[in-house]
Each structure stands twice: as structure tokens, then as C-alpha cells.
Amino acid sequence: MAAKSMNSKRGSLLLQLLISIAIIAWLSSILINKYFLKPSLNQKEVKTLQEDGIDATGYNSLVNTSQEKIHKATERMSSKAQEIDAMLK
């Protein structure tokens, strides 16, 4: 009889452990999505970024589209500087 109750305790301990791990994994996935994958911007900021052609749906897209915008602006500035240099010569 003692062996049977010991196996029952082990089984319930395993079940409690599995439930605890499942809850921790579920909470972790919520936190990761909330804090690391989506930028915390209010609607006004999102609207302003979208008007400027910047995708604010996630950090990667926010960074990538911002880098593209900066690269294009740098290219325009450099071509304008070359035009001015050509005019001065």
C-alpha cells in the first residue's frame, strides 16, 4: 500500500511540474511578443512614421525601413553636393 501512495505522489508531482512549466512558457511567449518583437508606439507615432513611409509593425521592419530612408537621403545629399561642385568649377 505504501508503494502505491508513493507512486501516486510522484505522479502528481510530475503533473504539477509540467503544469508549472507550461504556465511559465505561456507567460514567456506573451512577454516576448509584447516587449521584444513589437515596438511600443502610440497611434500618433505610428501614424507619423507611416506618413514618412516607415513600417512600424516590428522592430526589424522599423529599423530596416529607417535605414533605407537614411541611405536614400544620404545618396540625394551626395548627388546634390556633386552638382554644386560641378557648378562651381
N, C-alpha and C. Protein backbone atom coordinates (compact mmCIF):
# COMPACT_ATOMS: atom_id res chain seq x y z
N MET A 1 0.81 -1.19 0.00
CA MET A 1 0.00 0.00 0.00
C MET A 1 0.86 1.26 0.00
N ALA A 2 1.97 1.24 0.70
CA ALA A 2 2.85 2.39 0.78
C ALA A 2 3.48 2.68 -0.58
N ALA A 3 3.79 1.64 -1.34
CA ALA A 3 4.39 1.82 -2.66
C ALA A 3 3.39 2.48 -3.61
N LYS A 4 2.11 2.11 -3.46
CA LYS A 4 1.09 2.68 -4.32
C LYS A 4 0.91 4.18 -4.05
N SER A 5 0.92 4.58 -2.78
CA SER A 5 0.77 6.01 -2.46
C SER A 5 2.02 6.79 -2.86
N MET A 6 3.17 6.16 -2.83
CA MET A 6 4.42 6.81 -3.23
C MET A 6 4.39 7.09 -4.73
N ASN A 7 3.91 6.12 -5.54
CA ASN A 7 3.80 6.32 -6.99
C ASN A 7 2.78 7.41 -7.30
N SER A 8 1.70 7.47 -6.53
CA SER A 8 0.69 8.49 -6.72
C SER A 8 1.26 9.88 -6.45
N LYS A 9 2.09 10.00 -5.39
CA LYS A 9 2.71 11.28 -5.08
C LYS A 9 3.68 11.70 -6.18
N ARG A 10 4.43 10.73 -6.70
CA ARG A 10 5.38 11.05 -7.78
C ARG A 10 4.64 11.51 -9.03
N GLY A 11 3.53 10.84 -9.32
CA GLY A 11 2.74 11.21 -10.49
C GLY A 11 2.15 12.60 -10.36
N SER A 12 1.65 12.93 -9.19
CA SER A 12 1.06 14.26 -9.01
C SER A 12 2.15 15.33 -9.01
N LEU A 13 3.33 15.00 -8.48
CA LEU A 13 4.43 15.95 -8.52
C LEU A 13 4.85 16.22 -9.96
N LEU A 14 4.91 15.19 -10.78
CA LEU A 14 5.26 15.34 -12.19
C LEU A 14 4.22 16.19 -12.91
N LEU A 15 2.95 15.93 -12.62
CA LEU A 15 1.88 16.70 -13.24
C LEU A 15 1.96 18.17 -12.83
N GLN A 16 2.21 18.44 -11.58
CA GLN A 16 2.34 19.82 -11.11
C GLN A 16 3.54 20.50 -11.78
N LEU A 17 4.61 19.78 -11.93
CA LEU A 17 5.81 20.32 -12.59
C LEU A 17 5.52 20.66 -14.05
N LEU A 18 4.84 19.76 -14.75
CA LEU A 18 4.51 20.00 -16.16
C LEU A 18 3.57 21.19 -16.31
N ILE A 19 2.60 21.31 -15.44
CA ILE A 19 1.67 22.45 -15.50
C ILE A 19 2.42 23.75 -15.23
N SER A 20 3.32 23.73 -14.25
CA SER A 20 4.11 24.93 -13.94
C SER A 20 4.97 25.35 -15.13
N ILE A 21 5.61 24.38 -15.77
CA ILE A 21 6.45 24.68 -16.94
C ILE A 21 5.60 25.23 -18.07
N ALA A 22 4.40 24.67 -18.28
CA ALA A 22 3.51 25.16 -19.34
C ALA A 22 3.08 26.60 -19.07
N ILE A 23 2.78 26.92 -17.82
CA ILE A 23 2.37 28.28 -17.47
C ILE A 23 3.52 29.25 -17.68
N ILE A 24 4.71 28.87 -17.27
CA ILE A 24 5.89 29.74 -17.44
C ILE A 24 6.17 29.95 -18.93
N ALA A 25 6.06 28.91 -19.74
CA ALA A 25 6.30 29.04 -21.18
C ALA A 25 5.25 29.96 -21.81
N TRP A 26 4.01 29.84 -21.42
CA TRP A 26 2.93 30.67 -21.96
C TRP A 26 3.17 32.14 -21.60
N LEU A 27 3.49 32.40 -20.34
CA LEU A 27 3.76 33.79 -19.92
C LEU A 27 4.99 34.36 -20.62
N SER A 28 6.01 33.53 -20.81
CA SER A 28 7.21 33.97 -21.51
C SER A 28 6.90 34.37 -22.95
N SER A 29 6.07 33.58 -23.61
CA SER A 29 5.74 33.90 -25.00
C SER A 29 4.97 35.22 -25.08
N ILE A 30 4.10 35.48 -24.13
CA ILE A 30 3.37 36.75 -24.10
C ILE A 30 4.33 37.90 -23.89
N LEU A 31 5.25 37.76 -22.94
CA LEU A 31 6.20 38.82 -22.65
C LEU A 31 7.13 39.09 -23.83
N ILE A 32 7.60 38.03 -24.46
CA ILE A 32 8.50 38.20 -25.61
C ILE A 32 7.79 38.95 -26.72
N ASN A 33 6.55 38.56 -27.02
CA ASN A 33 5.81 39.25 -28.08
C ASN A 33 5.53 40.70 -27.72
N LYS A 34 5.20 40.95 -26.47
CA LYS A 34 4.83 42.30 -26.06
C LYS A 34 6.03 43.24 -25.99
N TYR A 35 7.12 42.80 -25.43
CA TYR A 35 8.23 43.70 -25.14
C TYR A 35 9.38 43.65 -26.13
N PHE A 36 9.55 42.56 -26.86
CA PHE A 36 10.72 42.45 -27.70
C PHE A 36 10.42 42.46 -29.19
N LEU A 37 9.26 42.03 -29.61
CA LEU A 37 9.00 41.92 -31.04
C LEU A 37 8.20 43.08 -31.61
N LYS A 38 7.42 43.75 -30.80
CA LYS A 38 6.60 44.86 -31.29
C LYS A 38 7.02 46.14 -30.59
N PRO A 39 7.27 47.17 -31.34
CA PRO A 39 7.63 48.44 -30.70
C PRO A 39 6.44 49.02 -29.95
N SER A 40 6.70 49.64 -28.83
CA SER A 40 5.62 50.23 -28.04
C SER A 40 5.46 51.70 -28.44
N LEU A 41 4.71 51.90 -29.50
CA LEU A 41 4.47 53.24 -30.03
C LEU A 41 2.98 53.54 -29.90
N ASN A 42 2.67 54.79 -29.62
CA ASN A 42 1.26 55.14 -29.59
C ASN A 42 0.78 55.40 -31.02
N GLN A 43 -0.52 55.57 -31.17
CA GLN A 43 -1.11 55.69 -32.51
C GLN A 43 -0.59 56.91 -33.26
N LYS A 44 -0.35 57.99 -32.55
CA LYS A 44 0.15 59.20 -33.21
C LYS A 44 1.54 58.97 -33.79
N GLU A 45 2.41 58.29 -33.04
CA GLU A 45 3.75 57.99 -33.53
C GLU A 45 3.70 57.06 -34.73
N VAL A 46 2.85 56.04 -34.65
CA VAL A 46 2.71 55.09 -35.77
C VAL A 46 2.23 55.83 -37.01
N LYS A 47 1.24 56.70 -36.85
CA LYS A 47 0.71 57.45 -37.99
C LYS A 47 1.79 58.33 -38.61
N THR A 48 2.57 59.01 -37.77
CA THR A 48 3.64 59.87 -38.27
C THR A 48 4.68 59.06 -39.03
N LEU A 49 5.07 57.92 -38.48
CA LEU A 49 6.05 57.07 -39.16
C LEU A 49 5.51 56.56 -40.49
N GLN A 50 4.24 56.16 -40.50
CA GLN A 50 3.65 55.66 -41.74
C GLN A 50 3.56 56.76 -42.79
N GLU A 51 3.28 57.99 -42.37
CA GLU A 51 3.25 59.11 -43.31
C GLU A 51 4.62 59.35 -43.94
N ASP A 52 5.67 59.05 -43.17
CA ASP A 52 7.03 59.20 -43.68
C ASP A 52 7.51 57.97 -44.43
N GLY A 53 6.64 56.96 -44.55
CA GLY A 53 6.99 55.76 -45.29
C GLY A 53 7.80 54.75 -44.50
N ILE A 54 7.70 54.81 -43.18
CA ILE A 54 8.44 53.88 -42.32
C ILE A 54 7.47 52.86 -41.74
N ASP A 55 7.81 51.59 -41.90
CA ASP A 55 6.98 50.50 -41.40
C ASP A 55 7.25 50.29 -39.91
N ALA A 56 6.23 50.45 -39.08
CA ALA A 56 6.41 50.34 -37.63
C ALA A 56 5.71 49.12 -37.05
N THR A 57 5.59 48.05 -37.84
CA THR A 57 4.90 46.86 -37.34
C THR A 57 5.78 46.02 -36.42
N GLY A 58 7.08 46.12 -36.56
CA GLY A 58 8.01 45.38 -35.71
C GLY A 58 9.34 46.09 -35.66
N TYR A 59 10.19 45.69 -34.73
CA TYR A 59 11.48 46.36 -34.60
C TYR A 59 12.33 46.20 -35.86
N ASN A 60 12.35 45.00 -36.41
CA ASN A 60 13.18 44.77 -37.60
C ASN A 60 12.71 45.63 -38.76
N SER A 61 11.41 45.66 -39.01
CA SER A 61 10.90 46.46 -40.12
C SER A 61 11.11 47.94 -39.85
N LEU A 62 10.98 48.36 -38.61
CA LEU A 62 11.20 49.77 -38.25
C LEU A 62 12.64 50.17 -38.53
N VAL A 63 13.57 49.32 -38.12
CA VAL A 63 14.99 49.61 -38.33
C VAL A 63 15.34 49.55 -39.82
N ASN A 64 14.85 48.53 -40.50
CA ASN A 64 15.19 48.37 -41.93
C ASN A 64 14.66 49.52 -42.77
N THR A 65 13.41 49.89 -42.58
CA THR A 65 12.86 50.98 -43.39
C THR A 65 13.50 52.32 -43.02
N SER A 66 13.86 52.49 -41.75
CA SER A 66 14.56 53.72 -41.35
C SER A 66 15.94 53.78 -42.01
N GLN A 67 16.64 52.66 -42.04
CA GLN A 67 17.95 52.62 -42.68
C GLN A 67 17.85 52.91 -44.17
N GLU A 68 16.81 52.36 -44.81
CA GLU A 68 16.62 52.63 -46.24
C GLU A 68 16.38 54.12 -46.48
N LYS A 69 15.55 54.73 -45.64
CA LYS A 69 15.27 56.16 -45.77
C LYS A 69 16.55 56.99 -45.60
N ILE A 70 17.34 56.64 -44.60
CA ILE A 70 18.60 57.36 -44.35
C ILE A 70 19.56 57.18 -45.53
N HIS A 71 19.64 55.96 -46.05
CA HIS A 71 20.52 55.68 -47.19
C HIS A 71 20.09 56.51 -48.41
N LYS A 72 18.80 56.56 -48.69
CA LYS A 72 18.30 57.34 -49.83
C LYS A 72 18.58 58.83 -49.63
N ALA A 73 18.38 59.32 -48.41
CA ALA A 73 18.64 60.74 -48.13
C ALA A 73 20.12 61.05 -48.30
N THR A 74 20.98 60.14 -47.86
CA THR A 74 22.42 60.33 -48.00
C THR A 74 22.82 60.36 -49.47
N GLU A 75 22.22 59.47 -50.26
CA GLU A 75 22.51 59.46 -51.70
C GLU A 75 22.07 60.77 -52.36
N ARG A 76 20.89 61.27 -51.98
CA ARG A 76 20.41 62.54 -52.55
C ARG A 76 21.34 63.69 -52.17
N MET A 77 21.76 63.72 -50.92
CA MET A 77 22.65 64.78 -50.47
C MET A 77 23.98 64.72 -51.21
N SER A 78 24.49 63.52 -51.40
CA SER A 78 25.77 63.37 -52.08
C SER A 78 25.65 63.79 -53.54
N SER A 79 24.55 63.45 -54.21
CA SER A 79 24.38 63.86 -55.61
C SER A 79 24.21 65.37 -55.71
N LYS A 80 23.52 65.97 -54.75
CA LYS A 80 23.37 67.44 -54.75
C LYS A 80 24.72 68.10 -54.52
N ALA A 81 25.52 67.55 -53.63
CA ALA A 81 26.86 68.10 -53.38
C ALA A 81 27.72 68.01 -54.63
N GLN A 82 27.60 66.92 -55.39
CA GLN A 82 28.35 66.78 -56.63
C GLN A 82 27.89 67.79 -57.67
N GLU A 83 26.58 68.04 -57.72
CA GLU A 83 26.05 69.03 -58.65
C GLU A 83 26.58 70.42 -58.31
N ILE A 84 26.61 70.75 -57.03
CA ILE A 84 27.13 72.06 -56.60
C ILE A 84 28.61 72.18 -56.95
N ASP A 85 29.37 71.11 -56.70
CA ASP A 85 30.81 71.14 -57.03
C ASP A 85 31.00 71.35 -58.53
N ALA A 86 30.15 70.68 -59.33
CA ALA A 86 30.27 70.83 -60.78
C ALA A 86 29.93 72.25 -61.22
N MET A 87 28.99 72.88 -60.56
CA MET A 87 28.60 74.25 -60.90
C MET A 87 29.71 75.24 -60.55
N LEU A 88 30.41 74.96 -59.46
CA LEU A 88 31.46 75.88 -59.01
C LEU A 88 32.73 75.78 -59.85
N LYS A 89 32.92 74.69 -60.56
CA LYS A 89 34.14 74.50 -61.35
C LYS A 89 34.08 75.18 -62.66
